[in-house]
Amino acid sequence: MTVKELCELIEAKDMTPEADKGTEVSCGYTCDLLSWVMAHGAAGMAWVTVQTHMNVIAVASLMEMAAVIIPEDIEMEAGSLEKARDEGINVLQTELTAYEICARLAAAGLPGKSRDA
């Protein structure tokens, strides 16, 4: 699945239209503890988090993630969005809850992160 397809699946607003929507999404993940995500993140991951500060973008960039998904129409801080645009990180915002997002990803066949990765 591409980020463009992911965006449609979760009815998301594209907060970084400049970023590549053809990027392949390899897996999904939900966590709000940044140190945990840094230890368990993976390239190509679509990461669901309620965190909206600059460090979210730093982690997503470091891990080469496909997208950051912000649930429940939470607004990402302006500085964080600017950094995401600079880094080419896809940020998607949706009114769905984290649970609903993950349910849709799983139903569409997107795996969770492998425990071996």
Protein backbone atom coordinates (compact mmCIF):
# COMPACT_ATOMS: atom_id res chain seq x y z
CA MET A 1 0.00 0.00 0.00
CA THR A 2 1.23 3.50 -0.79
CA VAL A 3 0.83 6.55 1.41
CA LYS A 4 -1.77 7.82 -1.08
CA GLU A 5 -3.80 4.63 -0.61
CA LEU A 6 -3.33 4.85 3.16
CA CYS A 7 -4.61 8.41 3.13
CA GLU A 8 -7.78 7.32 1.32
CA LEU A 9 -8.25 4.28 3.59
CA ILE A 10 -8.25 6.30 6.79
CA GLU A 11 -10.00 9.36 5.30
CA ALA A 12 -7.03 11.53 6.23
CA LYS A 13 -6.16 15.12 5.52
CA ASP A 14 -2.74 15.38 3.94
CA MET A 15 -0.86 17.84 6.10
CA THR A 16 2.34 17.64 4.01
CA PRO A 17 1.27 17.65 0.35
CA GLU A 18 4.89 18.13 -0.73
CA ALA A 19 5.95 14.71 0.61
CA ASP A 20 5.99 11.66 -1.69
CA LYS A 21 2.61 9.90 -1.61
CA GLY A 22 4.00 7.03 -3.68
CA THR A 23 6.09 5.85 -0.73
CA GLU A 24 5.35 2.23 0.16
CA VAL A 25 4.00 1.50 3.63
CA SER A 26 5.53 -1.68 5.02
CA CYS A 27 3.69 -1.97 8.34
CA GLY A 28 1.64 -0.14 10.93
CA TYR A 29 2.49 0.77 14.51
CA THR A 30 0.82 2.63 17.36
CA CYS A 31 2.74 4.06 20.30
CA ASP A 32 3.15 7.40 22.07
CA LEU A 33 6.39 6.74 23.95
CA LEU A 34 9.13 8.11 21.69
CA SER A 35 11.95 6.06 23.21
CA TRP A 36 9.93 2.91 22.57
CA VAL A 37 9.27 3.91 18.97
CA MET A 38 12.98 4.62 18.48
CA ALA A 39 13.77 1.12 19.73
CA HIS A 40 11.03 -0.60 17.70
CA GLY A 41 10.41 1.59 14.67
CA ALA A 42 11.11 0.47 11.11
CA ALA A 43 11.58 1.93 7.67
CA GLY A 44 8.34 2.25 5.74
CA MET A 45 6.23 2.21 8.91
CA ALA A 46 2.98 4.13 9.27
CA TRP A 47 3.11 5.37 12.87
CA VAL A 48 -0.05 6.37 14.73
CA THR A 49 0.57 8.78 17.62
CA VAL A 50 -1.16 11.58 19.50
CA GLN A 51 2.20 13.30 19.97
CA THR A 52 2.57 16.43 17.85
CA HIS A 53 5.89 18.02 18.82
CA MET A 54 9.10 18.33 16.80
CA ASN A 55 10.62 15.11 18.20
CA VAL A 56 7.94 13.06 16.43
CA ILE A 57 9.29 14.25 13.09
CA ALA A 58 12.87 13.62 14.20
CA VAL A 59 12.03 10.00 15.09
CA ALA A 60 10.06 9.45 11.87
CA SER A 61 12.96 10.83 9.83
CA LEU A 62 15.58 8.84 11.73
CA MET A 63 13.62 5.62 11.25
CA GLU A 64 12.77 6.45 7.59
CA MET A 65 9.06 5.98 8.24
CA ALA A 66 6.50 6.29 5.47
CA ALA A 67 4.03 8.39 7.47
CA VAL A 68 3.01 9.78 10.81
CA ILE A 69 -0.73 9.52 11.45
CA ILE A 70 -2.37 11.87 13.94
CA PRO A 71 -5.78 10.56 15.14
CA GLU A 72 -8.94 12.30 16.40
CA ASP A 73 -8.32 15.48 14.38
CA ILE A 74 -5.53 16.49 16.75
CA GLU A 75 -3.58 19.34 15.20
CA MET A 76 0.17 19.02 14.82
CA GLU A 77 2.21 22.00 15.94
CA ALA A 78 3.08 24.41 13.11
CA GLY A 79 6.83 24.06 13.69
CA SER A 80 6.54 20.29 13.53
CA LEU A 81 4.67 20.45 10.23
CA GLU A 82 7.27 22.81 8.82
CA LYS A 83 10.02 20.36 9.85
CA ALA A 84 8.04 17.46 8.31
CA ARG A 85 7.83 19.36 5.03
CA ASP A 86 11.57 20.05 5.13
CA GLU A 87 12.32 16.38 5.85
CA GLY A 88 9.79 14.99 3.33
CA ILE A 89 7.83 13.19 6.06
CA ASN A 90 4.18 12.43 5.32
CA VAL A 91 1.88 13.65 8.11
CA LEU A 92 -1.73 12.54 7.90
CA GLN A 93 -4.52 13.80 10.16
CA THR A 94 -7.81 11.94 10.56
CA GLU A 95 -10.87 12.16 12.74
CA LEU A 96 -10.65 8.39 13.35
CA THR A 97 -9.41 7.11 16.70
CA ALA A 98 -6.12 5.22 16.89
CA TYR A 99 -8.15 2.04 17.36
CA GLU A 100 -10.21 2.69 14.23
CA ILE A 101 -7.10 3.50 12.21
CA CYS A 102 -5.40 0.27 13.23
CA ALA A 103 -8.55 -1.76 12.57
CA ARG A 104 -8.71 -0.39 9.02
CA LEU A 105 -5.00 -1.02 8.42
CA ALA A 106 -5.34 -4.61 9.61
CA ALA A 107 -8.52 -5.21 7.59
CA ALA A 108 -6.70 -3.92 4.49
CA GLY A 109 -3.96 -6.50 5.05
CA LEU A 110 -1.21 -4.18 6.31
CA PRO A 111 0.80 -6.09 8.89
CA GLY A 112 1.92 -4.82 12.25
CA LYS A 113 5.64 -4.47 12.73
CA SER A 114 7.42 -7.81 12.76
CA ARG A 115 8.88 -8.71 16.13
CA ASP A 116 12.06 -9.71 14.29
CA ALA A 117 12.49 -6.38 12.48
